[in-house]
Amino acid sequence: MSTTSAQSNTTFIDLELDLVALLDNIANLPVDPPSLHLDLEGIDLGRHGPISILPLRTAPTQKTCLIDIHSLGRAAFSTTSNSGTSLKTTLESSTIPKVAFDIRNDSDAVFSLFRVSVDCTKDLQLMELA
């Protein structure tokens, strides 16, 4: 059941149908500057701790989606949009820049648990230190 908060412009996604709508919406976002800002949350996040939520902010629309990885499981990454893209192909794309803060554990977790290899990510923590 997808729920949206009018004040915060945040949507909780825990159904594949809602995930398809999100994937359709992010398919044609601009890449310069990067439109997708993400994070992963979980308990002892890493290769052995589960991923609970993937917050995804789309900068041009000022909308945030909280993707319920706990409920969706593998379907969170394998569900495809009408154009054939999935969260997995989006995260693995070398042409879609993404922004994250300290992607190391997040990347390790999503690869170890779901075989998703995150690519083309701008790590704000590293930029801050540069």
Foldseek 3Di string as FASTA:
>chain_A
DWDADPVQQEIEDQDLVVQLVVCVVVVDADQVPAQWEWDWDFDVQALPTDTAWIWIAGVVVRHIYTYGCVRCPLSQAVRAHPVGHHPLCQQQDQRHAYEYAPCVSVQRHCCNRHVRHGHRYDHVNVVVVD
